[in-house]
PDB file of N, CA and C in Angstrom:
ATOM      1  N   MET A   1     -20.948   7.019  33.881  1.00  0.00           N
ATOM      2  CA  MET A   1     -19.708   7.468  33.275  1.00  0.00           C
ATOM      3  C   MET A   1     -19.912   7.629  31.764  1.00  0.00           C
ATOM      4  N   THR A   2     -19.477   8.737  31.236  1.00  0.00           N
ATOM      5  CA  THR A   2     -19.615   9.026  29.811  1.00  0.00           C
ATOM      6  C   THR A   2     -18.485   8.367  29.037  1.00  0.00           C
ATOM      7  N   ALA A   3     -18.852   7.723  27.939  1.00  0.00           N
ATOM      8  CA  ALA A   3     -17.836   7.083  27.095  1.00  0.00           C
ATOM      9  C   ALA A   3     -16.978   8.160  26.439  1.00  0.00           C
ATOM     10  N   ARG A   4     -15.708   7.861  26.302  1.00  0.00           N
ATOM     11  CA  ARG A   4     -14.799   8.789  25.643  1.00  0.00           C
ATOM     12  C   ARG A   4     -15.156   8.887  24.163  1.00  0.00           C
ATOM     13  N   LYS A   5     -15.111  10.099  23.625  1.00  0.00           N
ATOM     14  CA  LYS A   5     -15.418  10.309  22.211  1.00  0.00           C
ATOM     15  C   LYS A   5     -14.284   9.772  21.348  1.00  0.00           C
ATOM     16  N   THR A   6     -14.652   9.353  20.163  1.00  0.00           N
ATOM     17  CA  THR A   6     -13.622   8.993  19.189  1.00  0.00           C
ATOM     18  C   THR A   6     -12.963  10.287  18.712  1.00  0.00           C
ATOM     19  N   ASN A   7     -11.824  10.180  18.055  1.00  0.00           N
ATOM     20  CA  ASN A   7     -11.165  11.360  17.504  1.00  0.00           C
ATOM     21  C   ASN A   7     -12.074  12.079  16.515  1.00  0.00           C
ATOM     22  N   THR A   8     -12.791  11.310  15.707  1.00  0.00           N
ATOM     23  CA  THR A   8     -13.704  11.905  14.729  1.00  0.00           C
ATOM     24  C   THR A   8     -14.813  12.678  15.424  1.00  0.00           C
ATOM     25  N   GLU A   9     -15.390  12.104  16.457  1.00  0.00           N
ATOM     26  CA  GLU A   9     -16.440  12.792  17.212  1.00  0.00           C
ATOM     27  C   GLU A   9     -15.903  14.060  17.864  1.00  0.00           C
ATOM     28  N   PHE A  10     -14.711  13.977  18.420  1.00  0.00           N
ATOM     29  CA  PHE A  10     -14.099  15.134  19.078  1.00  0.00           C
ATOM     30  C   PHE A  10     -13.880  16.283  18.095  1.00  0.00           C
ATOM     31  N   VAL A  11     -13.275  15.976  16.942  1.00  0.00           N
ATOM     32  CA  VAL A  11     -13.003  17.015  15.951  1.00  0.00           C
ATOM     33  C   VAL A  11     -14.306  17.568  15.383  1.00  0.00           C
ATOM     34  N   THR A  12     -15.268  16.702  15.128  1.00  0.00           N
ATOM     35  CA  THR A  12     -16.566  17.148  14.621  1.00  0.00           C
ATOM     36  C   THR A  12     -17.227  18.102  15.612  1.00  0.00           C
ATOM     37  N   ASP A  13     -17.228  17.751  16.881  1.00  0.00           N
ATOM     38  CA  ASP A  13     -17.811  18.628  17.899  1.00  0.00           C
ATOM     39  C   ASP A  13     -17.083  19.965  17.942  1.00  0.00           C
ATOM     40  N   LEU A  14     -15.774  19.941  17.857  1.00  0.00           N
ATOM     41  CA  LEU A  14     -15.003  21.180  17.873  1.00  0.00           C
ATOM     42  C   LEU A  14     -15.316  22.036  16.648  1.00  0.00           C
ATOM     43  N   MET A  15     -15.426  21.400  15.499  1.00  0.00           N
ATOM     44  CA  MET A  15     -15.722  22.137  14.263  1.00  0.00           C
ATOM     45  C   MET A  15     -17.149  22.691  14.259  1.00  0.00           C
ATOM     46  N   GLU A  16     -18.100  21.966  14.820  1.00  0.00           N
ATOM     47  CA  GLU A  16     -19.503  22.358  14.716  1.00  0.00           C
ATOM     48  C   GLU A  16     -20.057  23.109  15.926  1.00  0.00           C
ATOM     49  N   PHE A  17     -19.463  22.911  17.089  1.00  0.00           N
ATOM     50  CA  PHE A  17     -20.057  23.469  18.307  1.00  0.00           C
ATOM     51  C   PHE A  17     -19.070  24.260  19.166  1.00  0.00           C
ATOM     52  N   ALA A  18     -18.005  24.786  18.593  1.00  0.00           N
ATOM     53  CA  ALA A  18     -17.008  25.537  19.362  1.00  0.00           C
ATOM     54  C   ALA A  18     -17.623  26.805  19.944  1.00  0.00           C
ATOM     55  N   LYS A  19     -17.217  27.140  21.155  1.00  0.00           N
ATOM     56  CA  LYS A  19     -17.695  28.362  21.794  1.00  0.00           C
ATOM     57  C   LYS A  19     -17.285  29.588  20.986  1.00  0.00           C
ATOM     58  N   SER A  20     -16.181  29.485  20.263  1.00  0.00           N
ATOM     59  CA  SER A  20     -15.698  30.616  19.466  1.00  0.00           C
ATOM     60  C   SER A  20     -16.395  30.708  18.115  1.00  0.00           C
ATOM     61  N   GLY A  21     -17.317  29.800  17.849  1.00  0.00           N
ATOM     62  CA  GLY A  21     -18.098  29.858  16.622  1.00  0.00           C
ATOM     63  C   GLY A  21     -17.376  29.294  15.407  1.00  0.00           C
ATOM     64  N   PRO A  22     -17.848  29.672  14.218  1.00  0.00           N
ATOM     65  CA  PRO A  22     -17.321  29.103  12.988  1.00  0.00           C
ATOM     66  C   PRO A  22     -15.860  29.454  12.705  1.00  0.00           C
ATOM     67  N   LEU A  23     -15.326  30.446  13.406  1.00  0.00           N
ATOM     68  CA  LEU A  23     -13.906  30.766  13.236  1.00  0.00           C
ATOM     69  C   LEU A  23     -13.034  29.561  13.581  1.00  0.00           C
ATOM     70  N   MET A  24     -13.540  28.686  14.448  1.00  0.00           N
ATOM     71  CA  MET A  24     -12.785  27.489  14.822  1.00  0.00           C
ATOM     72  C   MET A  24     -12.481  26.630  13.597  1.00  0.00           C
ATOM     73  N   GLN A  25     -13.391  26.576  12.632  1.00  0.00           N
ATOM     74  CA  GLN A  25     -13.141  25.774  11.436  1.00  0.00           C
ATOM     75  C   GLN A  25     -11.931  26.298  10.684  1.00  0.00           C
ATOM     76  N   ALA A  26     -11.836  27.606  10.523  1.00  0.00           N
ATOM     77  CA  ALA A  26     -10.679  28.204   9.855  1.00  0.00           C
ATOM     78  C   ALA A  26      -9.413  27.948  10.656  1.00  0.00           C
ATOM     79  N   PHE A  27      -9.511  28.047  11.977  1.00  0.00           N
ATOM     80  CA  PHE A  27      -8.356  27.816  12.843  1.00  0.00           C
ATOM     81  C   PHE A  27      -7.823  26.392  12.684  1.00  0.00           C
ATOM     82  N   ILE A  28      -8.723  25.419  12.703  1.00  0.00           N
ATOM     83  CA  ILE A  28      -8.313  24.018  12.593  1.00  0.00           C
ATOM     84  C   ILE A  28      -7.708  23.734  11.220  1.00  0.00           C
ATOM     85  N   LEU A  29      -8.348  24.218  10.158  1.00  0.00           N
ATOM     86  CA  LEU A  29      -7.805  23.994   8.820  1.00  0.00           C
ATOM     87  C   LEU A  29      -6.427  24.646   8.666  1.00  0.00           C
ATOM     88  N   GLU A  30      -6.263  25.838   9.208  1.00  0.00           N
ATOM     89  CA  GLU A  30      -4.963  26.520   9.133  1.00  0.00           C
ATOM     90  C   GLU A  30      -3.913  25.767   9.941  1.00  0.00           C
ATOM     91  N   ALA A  31      -4.278  25.283  11.109  1.00  0.00           N
ATOM     92  CA  ALA A  31      -3.343  24.533  11.945  1.00  0.00           C
ATOM     93  C   ALA A  31      -2.888  23.250  11.250  1.00  0.00           C
ATOM     94  N   VAL A  32      -3.834  22.513  10.696  1.00  0.00           N
ATOM     95  CA  VAL A  32      -3.491  21.283   9.987  1.00  0.00           C
ATOM     96  C   VAL A  32      -2.654  21.606   8.753  1.00  0.00           C
ATOM     97  N   SER A  33      -3.018  22.647   8.040  1.00  0.00           N
ATOM     98  CA  SER A  33      -2.284  23.043   6.845  1.00  0.00           C
ATOM     99  C   SER A  33      -0.837  23.389   7.168  1.00  0.00           C
ATOM    100  N   GLN A  34      -0.630  24.194   8.198  1.00  0.00           N
ATOM    101  CA  GLN A  34       0.731  24.597   8.562  1.00  0.00           C
ATOM    102  C   GLN A  34       1.572  23.411   9.029  1.00  0.00           C
ATOM    103  N   TYR A  35       0.983  22.536   9.838  1.00  0.00           N
ATOM    104  CA  TYR A  35       1.717  21.359  10.310  1.00  0.00           C
ATOM    105  C   TYR A  35       2.033  20.420   9.147  1.00  0.00           C
ATOM    106  N   ALA A  36       1.074  20.227   8.255  1.00  0.00           N
ATOM    107  CA  ALA A  36       1.292  19.357   7.094  1.00  0.00           C
ATOM    108  C   ALA A  36       2.415  19.906   6.211  1.00  0.00           C
ATOM    109  N   LYS A  37       2.432  21.214   5.988  1.00  0.00           N
ATOM    110  CA  LYS A  37       3.499  21.823   5.185  1.00  0.00           C
ATOM    111  C   LYS A  37       4.867  21.575   5.805  1.00  0.00           C
ATOM    112  N   ARG A  38       4.960  21.782   7.122  1.00  0.00           N
ATOM    113  CA  ARG A  38       6.254  21.569   7.801  1.00  0.00           C
ATOM    114  C   ARG A  38       6.687  20.113   7.734  1.00  0.00           C
ATOM    115  N   CYS A  39       5.760  19.196   7.958  1.00  0.00           N
ATOM    116  CA  CYS A  39       6.103  17.768   7.934  1.00  0.00           C
ATOM    117  C   CYS A  39       6.446  17.291   6.529  1.00  0.00           C
ATOM    118  N   ALA A  40       5.735  17.788   5.535  1.00  0.00           N
ATOM    119  CA  ALA A  40       5.973  17.368   4.148  1.00  0.00           C
ATOM    120  C   ALA A  40       7.317  17.868   3.632  1.00  0.00           C
ATOM    121  N   ALA A  41       7.837  18.918   4.242  1.00  0.00           N
ATOM    122  CA  ALA A  41       9.068  19.545   3.752  1.00  0.00           C
ATOM    123  C   ALA A  41      10.350  18.901   4.269  1.00  0.00           C
ATOM    124  N   VAL A  42      10.234  17.954   5.182  1.00  0.00           N
ATOM    125  CA  VAL A  42      11.445  17.347   5.747  1.00  0.00           C
ATOM    126  C   VAL A  42      11.560  15.871   5.383  1.00  0.00           C
ATOM    127  N   ASP A  43      12.734  15.353   5.569  1.00  0.00           N
ATOM    128  CA  ASP A  43      13.019  13.941   5.308  1.00  0.00           C
ATOM    129  C   ASP A  43      12.149  13.062   6.216  1.00  0.00           C
ATOM    130  N   PRO A  44      11.465  12.076   5.663  1.00  0.00           N
ATOM    131  CA  PRO A  44      10.613  11.203   6.475  1.00  0.00           C
ATOM    132  C   PRO A  44      11.355  10.522   7.628  1.00  0.00           C
ATOM    133  N   ALA A  45      12.648  10.337   7.489  1.00  0.00           N
ATOM    134  CA  ALA A  45      13.430   9.685   8.542  1.00  0.00           C
ATOM    135  C   ALA A  45      13.400  10.483   9.845  1.00  0.00           C
ATOM    136  N   VAL A  46      13.164  11.777   9.749  1.00  0.00           N
ATOM    137  CA  VAL A  46      13.087  12.626  10.942  1.00  0.00           C
ATOM    138  C   VAL A  46      11.996  12.139  11.884  1.00  0.00           C
ATOM    139  N   PHE A  47      10.932  11.602  11.340  1.00  0.00           N
ATOM    140  CA  PHE A  47       9.781  11.189  12.145  1.00  0.00           C
ATOM    141  C   PHE A  47       9.855   9.738  12.608  1.00  0.00           C
ATOM    142  N   HIS A  48      10.769   8.978  12.059  1.00  0.00           N
ATOM    143  CA  HIS A  48      10.814   7.547  12.359  1.00  0.00           C
ATOM    144  C   HIS A  48      11.215   7.295  13.811  1.00  0.00           C
ATOM    145  N   SER A  49      10.501   6.396  14.443  1.00  0.00           N
ATOM    146  CA  SER A  49      10.800   5.996  15.822  1.00  0.00           C
ATOM    147  C   SER A  49      10.316   4.558  16.004  1.00  0.00           C
ATOM    148  N   PRO A  50      10.558   3.976  17.160  1.00  0.00           N
ATOM    149  CA  PRO A  50      10.076   2.615  17.393  1.00  0.00           C
ATOM    150  C   PRO A  50       8.552   2.479  17.305  1.00  0.00           C
ATOM    151  N   VAL A  51       7.823   3.573  17.502  1.00  0.00           N
ATOM    152  CA  VAL A  51       6.362   3.492  17.471  1.00  0.00           C
ATOM    153  C   VAL A  51       5.738   4.211  16.279  1.00  0.00           C
ATOM    154  N   LEU A  52       6.553   4.864  15.444  1.00  0.00           N
ATOM    155  CA  LEU A  52       6.016   5.620  14.326  1.00  0.00           C
ATOM    156  C   LEU A  52       6.854   5.393  13.075  1.00  0.00           C
ATOM    157  N   ASN A  53       6.188   5.017  12.007  1.00  0.00           N
ATOM    158  CA  ASN A  53       6.862   4.864  10.726  1.00  0.00           C
ATOM    159  C   ASN A  53       6.963   6.246  10.090  1.00  0.00           C
ATOM    160  N   GLY A  54       8.179   6.738   9.961  1.00  0.00           N
ATOM    161  CA  GLY A  54       8.393   8.081   9.438  1.00  0.00           C
ATOM    162  C   GLY A  54       7.859   8.284   8.035  1.00  0.00           C
ATOM    163  N   ALA A  55       8.004   7.286   7.188  1.00  0.00           N
ATOM    164  CA  ALA A  55       7.515   7.402   5.811  1.00  0.00           C
ATOM    165  C   ALA A  55       5.991   7.505   5.784  1.00  0.00           C
ATOM    166  N   ALA A  56       5.321   6.753   6.626  1.00  0.00           N
ATOM    167  CA  ALA A  56       3.853   6.806   6.683  1.00  0.00           C
ATOM    168  C   ALA A  56       3.386   8.169   7.201  1.00  0.00           C
ATOM    169  N   TRP A  57       4.073   8.701   8.201  1.00  0.00           N
ATOM    170  CA  TRP A  57       3.719  10.015   8.747  1.00  0.00           C
ATOM    171  C   TRP A  57       3.909  11.083   7.674  1.00  0.00           C
ATOM    172  N   HIS A  58       4.993  10.981   6.943  1.00  0.00           N
ATOM    173  CA  HIS A  58       5.287  11.930   5.864  1.00  0.00           C
ATOM    174  C   HIS A  58       4.208  11.853   4.781  1.00  0.00           C
ATOM    175  N   ARG A  59       3.783  10.635   4.422  1.00  0.00           N
ATOM    176  CA  ARG A  59       2.707  10.476   3.433  1.00  0.00           C
ATOM    177  C   ARG A  59       1.417  11.132   3.915  1.00  0.00           C
ATOM    178  N   CYS A  60       1.121  11.005   5.204  1.00  0.00           N
ATOM    179  CA  CYS A  60      -0.065  11.667   5.761  1.00  0.00           C
ATOM    180  C   CYS A  60       0.043  13.174   5.590  1.00  0.00           C
ATOM    181  N   ALA A  61       1.225  13.717   5.839  1.00  0.00           N
ATOM    182  CA  ALA A  61       1.429  15.163   5.700  1.00  0.00           C
ATOM    183  C   ALA A  61       1.222  15.605   4.267  1.00  0.00           C
ATOM    184  N   VAL A  62       1.783  14.859   3.335  1.00  0.00           N
ATOM    185  CA  VAL A  62       1.646  15.201   1.911  1.00  0.00           C
ATOM    186  C   VAL A  62       0.176  15.118   1.498  1.00  0.00           C
ATOM    187  N   GLU A  63      -0.516  14.074   1.930  1.00  0.00           N
ATOM    188  CA  GLU A  63      -1.933  13.919   1.593  1.00  0.00           C
ATOM    189  C   GLU A  63      -2.776  15.047   2.183  1.00  0.00           C
ATOM    190  N   ALA A  64      -2.554  15.365   3.459  1.00  0.00           N
ATOM    191  CA  ALA A  64      -3.327  16.433   4.113  1.00  0.00           C
ATOM    192  C   ALA A  64      -3.064  17.774   3.438  1.00  0.00           C
ATOM    193  N   LYS A  65      -1.815  18.053   3.131  1.00  0.00           N
ATOM    194  CA  LYS A  65      -1.452  19.306   2.475  1.00  0.00           C
ATOM    195  C   LYS A  65      -2.164  19.436   1.126  1.00  0.00           C
ATOM    196  N   ALA A  66      -2.137  18.385   0.337  1.00  0.00           N
ATOM    197  CA  ALA A  66      -2.787  18.405  -0.983  1.00  0.00           C
ATOM    198  C   ALA A  66      -4.299  18.543  -0.848  1.00  0.00           C
ATOM    199  N   ALA A  67      -4.885  17.837   0.100  1.00  0.00           N
ATOM    200  CA  ALA A  67      -6.345  17.882   0.277  1.00  0.00           C
ATOM    201  C   ALA A  67      -6.808  19.263   0.708  1.00  0.00           C
ATOM    202  N   ILE A  68      -6.099  19.863   1.650  1.00  0.00           N
ATOM    203  CA  ILE A  68      -6.500  21.190   2.119  1.00  0.00           C
ATOM    204  C   ILE A  68      -6.288  22.228   1.027  1.00  0.00           C
ATOM    205  N   THR A  69      -5.183  22.132   0.298  1.00  0.00           N
ATOM    206  CA  THR A  69      -4.933  23.059  -0.812  1.00  0.00           C
ATOM    207  C   THR A  69      -6.044  22.971  -1.844  1.00  0.00           C
ATOM    208  N   ALA A  70      -6.426  21.755  -2.201  1.00  0.00           N
ATOM    209  CA  ALA A  70      -7.503  21.561  -3.185  1.00  0.00           C
ATOM    210  C   ALA A  70      -8.837  22.065  -2.649  1.00  0.00           C
ATOM    211  N   HIS A  71      -9.113  21.800  -1.392  1.00  0.00           N
ATOM    212  CA  HIS A  71     -10.367  22.218  -0.777  1.00  0.00           C
ATOM    213  C   HIS A  71     -10.485  23.738  -0.744  1.00  0.00           C
ATOM    214  N   LEU A  72      -9.426  24.409  -0.387  1.00  0.00           N
ATOM    215  CA  LEU A  72      -9.467  25.863  -0.290  1.00  0.00           C
ATOM    216  C   LEU A  72      -9.433  26.547  -1.652  1.00  0.00           C
ATOM    217  N   ALA A  73      -8.968  25.826  -2.671  1.00  0.00           N
ATOM    218  CA  ALA A  73      -8.910  26.399  -4.020  1.00  0.00           C
ATOM    219  C   ALA A  73     -10.256  26.309  -4.737  1.00  0.00           C
ATOM    220  N   SER A  74     -11.146  25.443  -4.249  1.00  0.00           N
ATOM    221  CA  SER A  74     -12.426  25.260  -4.939  1.00  0.00           C
ATOM    222  C   SER A  74     -13.454  26.260  -4.532  1.00  0.00           C
TER     223      SER A  74
END
């Protein structure tokens, strides 16, 4: 039985070995960028639930949005 990949291993494999080639990297960055923008634009309370801290999720969105913006600007 094959051990399940970690999230990091899964994303790395998708970024480096996708059947669709290097376009997958642009697709993933665009997907994360768009989701981060949407999440960063709303009140953190929208995300709060018994299993998720809305403020922490919102901070992740803001951080991801800033990181991708900086990465693509360089």
